[in-house]
Amino acid sequence: MSKEKQNPSIIVNKNKNGVARITLNRPDLHNAFDDKVINELTNVIYRISQDQSVRILQLDAIGKSFSAGADLNWMIRMASYNWEENYQDSLKLAGLMQALHDCEKTTIAIVQGAAFGGGVGLIACCDIVLASDKAVFCLSEVKLGLIPSVISPYVVKAIGERNSKRYFATAEKFDANEAKQMQLIHKVIPHDELAEKAQDYINRILANGPRAMIQSKRLVNYVYNQPITEELVRETAQRIADIRATSEGKEGVSAFLEKRPADWNASNKSEF
């Protein structure tokens, strides 16, 4: 894996298979983020989203914690801000969450340790979340007299209204099994096997059609919470007809019928 960029806060690598890996690299601060880290992460995510050679965005972290959320020194600085400064600062964090949630690539979070506050928000914004059985989670904002406001659209969408009301109000910790039950994460993996099992999972995803993966994500975003109307039925029929006509769609079906691996590199002329 070749190194693309490195700095004190995050490490970004992109391999030849199209996996762009963003690693939070502030282990001494439990990978807490401040305004500088937020800007860096947002810019990197936008760049990855626009990179046609990237198929998967992997988000992980170095150290004992995945992310403790807001950095203490940043919070101390924010305490002296006026309302407008607080609002503009909050918009930047909201922009990070939106960039991650809206990224067209398949996004996967690998959670090796504790995720608190905004760290839970990052997880909720990802399409797929694999977590260590030692991971622990907490929506801790009310302990500080605050609310998990900018992460709430994504957390509530992931864990539901009633779970959100409970954990937003109590700030109690919950483990990986509880997180899985409420659909914040998808798989709980023994801690010592996390890296290996996560790579196996990513390899299985990479066997799928690159354009089909993007179109599948767009499809979910389009149909989610929509009533099943004649317009929706026609739109979904049109989308499958569109992709069947692409070189990728034809290659995928041919490979299946011929019982061979699909050559996605030879079918990259899809017009989406």
Protein backbone atom coordinates (compact mmCIF):
# COMPACT_ATOMS: atom_id res chain seq x y z
CA MET A 1 0.00 0.00 0.00
CA SER A 2 1.53 3.30 -1.10
CA LYS A 3 1.35 6.32 1.16
CA GLU A 4 -0.59 9.23 -0.35
CA LYS A 5 -0.49 11.75 2.48
CA GLN A 6 0.57 11.91 6.09
CA ASN A 7 0.20 14.56 8.76
CA PRO A 8 0.05 14.64 12.57
CA SER A 9 -3.73 14.25 12.70
CA ILE A 10 -4.71 11.79 10.00
CA ILE A 11 -2.98 9.34 7.68
CA VAL A 12 -4.39 8.71 4.21
CA ASN A 13 -3.39 5.74 2.06
CA LYS A 14 -4.79 4.48 -1.25
CA ASN A 15 -4.00 1.02 -2.56
CA LYS A 16 -4.11 -0.33 -6.10
CA ASN A 17 -7.42 -2.12 -5.45
CA GLY A 18 -9.20 1.18 -4.91
CA VAL A 19 -9.39 1.27 -1.12
CA ALA A 20 -8.74 4.72 0.34
CA ARG A 21 -7.93 4.38 4.02
CA ILE A 22 -8.30 7.30 6.42
CA THR A 23 -6.69 6.64 9.80
CA LEU A 24 -7.25 8.92 12.78
CA ASN A 25 -3.79 9.46 14.21
CA ARG A 26 -4.06 11.26 17.55
CA PRO A 27 -3.79 8.28 19.92
CA ASP A 28 -2.53 10.35 22.88
CA LEU A 29 -5.73 12.41 22.65
CA HIS A 30 -7.95 9.36 22.04
CA ASN A 31 -8.33 10.56 18.44
CA ALA A 32 -10.42 13.52 19.52
CA PHE A 33 -10.89 16.13 16.82
CA ASP A 34 -10.71 19.90 16.74
CA ASP A 35 -11.46 22.47 14.04
CA LYS A 36 -8.19 21.72 12.22
CA VAL A 37 -8.81 17.97 12.11
CA ILE A 38 -12.41 18.56 11.02
CA ASN A 39 -11.22 20.64 8.07
CA GLU A 40 -8.59 18.07 7.11
CA LEU A 41 -11.04 15.17 7.28
CA THR A 42 -13.69 17.02 5.30
CA ASN A 43 -11.26 17.93 2.52
CA VAL A 44 -9.88 14.39 2.32
CA ILE A 45 -13.36 12.86 2.15
CA TYR A 46 -14.38 15.22 -0.66
CA ARG A 47 -11.21 14.36 -2.57
CA ILE A 48 -11.80 10.64 -2.17
CA SER A 49 -15.43 10.95 -3.20
CA GLN A 50 -14.35 12.55 -6.47
CA ASP A 51 -11.53 10.08 -7.18
CA GLN A 52 -12.81 7.63 -9.81
CA SER A 53 -10.12 5.10 -8.91
CA VAL A 54 -11.48 4.73 -5.35
CA ARG A 55 -14.14 2.14 -4.62
CA ILE A 56 -14.13 1.96 -0.82
CA LEU A 57 -13.44 4.57 1.85
CA GLN A 58 -12.16 2.87 5.01
CA LEU A 59 -12.17 4.86 8.25
CA ASP A 60 -10.17 3.55 11.21
CA ALA A 61 -7.95 4.75 14.03
CA ILE A 62 -4.65 4.18 15.82
CA GLY A 63 -4.50 3.58 19.57
CA LYS A 64 -6.90 2.43 22.25
CA SER A 65 -9.80 4.65 21.18
CA PHE A 66 -11.58 5.08 17.86
CA SER A 67 -12.52 8.67 18.69
CA ALA A 68 -13.41 10.52 21.88
CA GLY A 69 -15.27 13.17 19.90
CA ALA A 70 -14.45 16.83 20.55
CA ASP A 71 -10.95 17.75 21.71
CA LEU A 72 -10.87 19.29 25.21
CA ASN A 73 -8.70 22.25 24.20
CA TRP A 74 -11.04 22.98 21.29
CA MET A 75 -14.01 22.91 23.70
CA ILE A 76 -12.22 25.35 26.01
CA ARG A 77 -11.71 27.73 23.08
CA MET A 78 -15.34 27.36 22.04
CA ALA A 79 -16.47 28.38 25.53
CA SER A 80 -15.28 31.92 24.80
CA TYR A 81 -16.99 32.13 21.38
CA ASN A 82 -20.03 34.32 20.82
CA TRP A 83 -23.20 32.85 19.25
CA GLU A 84 -22.18 33.52 15.65
CA GLU A 85 -18.72 32.02 16.16
CA ASN A 86 -20.28 28.94 17.78
CA TYR A 87 -22.73 28.62 14.89
CA GLN A 88 -20.03 28.85 12.21
CA ASP A 89 -17.86 26.38 14.13
CA SER A 90 -20.77 23.93 14.42
CA LEU A 91 -21.46 24.19 10.69
CA LYS A 92 -17.97 22.88 9.99
CA LEU A 93 -18.57 19.74 12.07
CA ALA A 94 -21.97 19.35 10.42
CA GLY A 95 -20.22 19.63 7.06
CA LEU A 96 -17.85 16.81 7.97
CA MET A 97 -20.71 14.51 8.92
CA GLN A 98 -22.59 15.36 5.75
CA ALA A 99 -19.52 14.80 3.57
CA LEU A 100 -18.99 11.33 5.05
CA HIS A 101 -22.67 10.38 4.89
CA ASP A 102 -23.07 11.63 1.30
CA CYS A 103 -19.81 10.15 -0.03
CA GLU A 104 -20.64 8.10 -3.14
CA LYS A 105 -18.08 5.44 -2.31
CA THR A 106 -18.95 2.56 -0.02
CA THR A 107 -17.79 3.73 3.41
CA ILE A 108 -16.62 1.29 6.08
CA ALA A 109 -15.69 2.13 9.67
CA ILE A 110 -13.38 -0.26 11.52
CA VAL A 111 -13.90 0.45 15.22
CA GLN A 112 -11.17 -0.96 17.44
CA GLY A 113 -11.95 0.94 20.65
CA ALA A 114 -14.06 3.53 22.40
CA ALA A 115 -16.21 5.93 20.40
CA PHE A 116 -17.76 8.84 22.29
CA GLY A 117 -19.86 11.81 21.16
CA GLY A 118 -18.80 12.90 17.69
CA GLY A 119 -16.95 9.61 17.28
CA VAL A 120 -20.34 7.89 17.33
CA GLY A 121 -21.45 10.40 14.72
CA LEU A 122 -18.63 9.36 12.37
CA ILE A 123 -19.67 5.73 12.77
CA ALA A 124 -23.34 6.48 12.12
CA CYS A 125 -22.41 8.26 8.88
CA CYS A 126 -20.70 5.17 7.44
CA ASP A 127 -22.48 2.55 5.32
CA ILE A 128 -20.89 -0.44 7.05
CA VAL A 129 -19.43 -0.67 10.56
CA LEU A 130 -17.29 -3.52 11.87
CA ALA A 131 -16.35 -3.31 15.53
CA SER A 132 -14.12 -5.07 18.04
CA ASP A 133 -15.84 -6.92 20.85
CA LYS A 134 -13.89 -4.59 23.15
CA ALA A 135 -15.36 -1.42 21.64
CA VAL A 136 -17.54 0.77 23.84
CA PHE A 137 -19.82 3.63 22.85
CA CYS A 138 -21.32 6.68 24.53
CA LEU A 139 -23.32 9.73 23.51
CA SER A 140 -21.84 11.77 26.30
CA GLU A 141 -22.79 15.36 25.42
CA VAL A 142 -25.38 15.94 28.18
CA LYS A 143 -22.70 15.28 30.80
CA LEU A 144 -21.20 18.58 29.64
CA GLY A 145 -24.50 20.36 29.45
CA LEU A 146 -24.51 20.03 25.65
CA ILE A 147 -26.52 18.09 23.06
CA PRO A 148 -25.42 15.77 20.20
CA SER A 149 -27.00 18.13 17.73
CA VAL A 150 -25.09 18.01 14.43
CA ILE A 151 -24.60 14.23 14.64
CA SER A 152 -28.26 13.62 15.51
CA PRO A 153 -29.62 13.23 11.93
CA TYR A 154 -27.26 10.32 11.36
CA VAL A 155 -27.37 8.72 14.82
CA VAL A 156 -31.18 8.83 15.02
CA LYS A 157 -31.39 7.40 11.50
CA ALA A 158 -29.08 4.56 12.54
CA ILE A 159 -30.41 3.59 15.98
CA GLY A 160 -33.99 4.89 15.90
CA GLU A 161 -36.06 7.37 17.87
CA ARG A 162 -36.49 5.53 21.16
CA ASN A 163 -32.87 4.41 21.49
CA SER A 164 -31.78 7.95 20.68
CA LYS A 165 -34.01 9.45 23.36
CA ARG A 166 -32.59 7.03 25.90
CA TYR A 167 -28.89 7.35 25.12
CA PHE A 168 -28.98 11.09 24.40
CA ALA A 169 -30.54 11.64 27.85
CA THR A 170 -28.62 9.13 29.97
CA ALA A 171 -25.13 9.38 28.44
CA GLU A 172 -24.66 5.77 29.53
CA LYS A 173 -22.02 3.59 27.95
CA PHE A 174 -22.99 0.57 25.86
CA ASP A 175 -20.92 -2.25 24.45
CA ALA A 176 -20.53 -3.61 20.93
CA ASN A 177 -23.28 -6.21 21.28
CA GLU A 178 -25.77 -3.55 22.36
CA ALA A 179 -24.58 -1.32 19.51
CA LYS A 180 -25.24 -4.16 17.08
CA GLN A 181 -28.73 -4.79 18.47
CA MET A 182 -29.67 -1.16 17.84
CA GLN A 183 -28.01 -1.22 14.38
CA LEU A 184 -25.28 1.32 15.08
CA ILE A 185 -22.78 -1.35 13.96
CA HIS A 186 -23.19 -4.41 11.74
CA LYS A 187 -20.69 -7.00 12.95
CA VAL A 188 -18.92 -7.67 16.24
CA ILE A 189 -15.52 -9.29 15.74
CA PRO A 190 -13.05 -10.65 18.32
CA HIS A 191 -10.54 -7.88 18.96
CA ASP A 192 -7.46 -9.85 17.87
CA GLU A 193 -9.15 -10.82 14.60
CA LEU A 194 -10.54 -7.40 13.69
CA ALA A 195 -7.93 -6.36 11.13
CA GLU A 196 -7.91 -9.76 9.37
CA LYS A 197 -11.70 -10.17 9.29
CA ALA A 198 -12.19 -6.58 8.15
CA GLN A 199 -9.80 -7.14 5.25
CA ASP A 200 -11.65 -10.32 4.27
CA TYR A 201 -14.90 -8.35 4.29
CA ILE A 202 -13.42 -5.61 2.13
CA ASN A 203 -12.04 -8.16 -0.33
CA ARG A 204 -15.52 -9.65 -0.77
CA ILE A 205 -16.94 -6.22 -1.51
CA LEU A 206 -14.21 -5.53 -4.08
CA ALA A 207 -15.41 -8.57 -6.06
CA ASN A 208 -18.60 -6.64 -6.89
CA GLY A 209 -19.24 -4.29 -9.80
CA PRO A 210 -17.75 -0.83 -9.08
CA ARG A 211 -20.49 1.16 -10.80
CA ALA A 212 -23.18 -1.15 -9.46
CA MET A 213 -21.97 -0.38 -5.93
CA ILE A 214 -22.31 3.37 -6.51
CA GLN A 215 -25.71 2.97 -8.14
CA SER A 216 -26.92 0.71 -5.32
CA LYS A 217 -26.05 3.39 -2.76
CA ARG A 218 -27.84 6.03 -4.84
CA LEU A 219 -30.81 3.68 -5.07
CA VAL A 220 -31.09 3.33 -1.27
CA ASN A 221 -30.88 7.10 -0.85
CA TYR A 222 -33.63 7.54 -3.43
CA VAL A 223 -36.14 4.94 -2.23
CA TYR A 224 -35.65 5.33 1.54
CA ASN A 225 -38.89 6.38 3.25
CA GLN A 226 -40.66 6.98 -0.05
CA PRO A 227 -44.20 5.64 -0.54
CA ILE A 228 -44.48 2.94 -3.18
CA THR A 229 -46.10 4.92 -5.96
CA GLU A 230 -46.33 4.37 -9.71
CA GLU A 231 -43.56 6.95 -10.11
CA LEU A 232 -41.26 5.00 -7.76
CA VAL A 233 -42.03 1.71 -9.53
CA ARG A 234 -41.17 3.24 -12.90
CA GLU A 235 -38.03 4.90 -11.59
CA THR A 236 -36.66 1.65 -10.15
CA ALA A 237 -37.49 -0.20 -13.39
CA GLN A 238 -35.65 2.47 -15.36
CA ARG A 239 -32.58 2.22 -13.12
CA ILE A 240 -32.17 -1.53 -13.59
CA ALA A 241 -32.75 -1.17 -17.33
CA ASP A 242 -30.06 1.53 -17.45
CA ILE A 243 -27.43 -0.56 -15.72
CA ARG A 244 -28.24 -3.72 -17.67
CA ALA A 245 -27.29 -1.82 -20.81
CA THR A 246 -23.84 -0.82 -19.54
CA SER A 247 -20.63 -2.69 -20.28
CA GLU A 248 -20.31 -3.46 -16.57
CA GLY A 249 -23.79 -4.96 -16.40
CA LYS A 250 -23.14 -7.07 -19.47
CA GLU A 251 -19.77 -8.24 -18.16
CA GLY A 252 -21.22 -9.16 -14.77
CA VAL A 253 -24.02 -11.27 -16.23
CA SER A 254 -21.68 -12.93 -18.74
CA ALA A 255 -19.18 -13.77 -16.03
CA PHE A 256 -21.91 -15.32 -13.89
CA LEU A 257 -23.23 -17.45 -16.76
CA GLU A 258 -19.71 -18.50 -17.75
CA LYS A 259 -18.80 -19.25 -14.12
CA ARG A 260 -15.74 -17.01 -14.09
CA PRO A 261 -14.67 -13.92 -12.12
CA ALA A 262 -15.87 -10.70 -13.69
CA ASP A 263 -13.22 -8.46 -15.24
CA TRP A 264 -14.37 -5.10 -13.96
CA ASN A 265 -11.33 -3.35 -15.41
CA ALA A 266 -12.54 -4.29 -18.88
CA SER A 267 -16.00 -2.91 -18.21
CA ASN A 268 -15.22 0.59 -16.98
CA LYS A 269 -17.07 2.40 -19.74
CA SER A 270 -20.32 2.63 -17.81
CA GLU A 271 -22.02 5.96 -18.43
CA PHE A 272 -23.27 7.15 -15.03
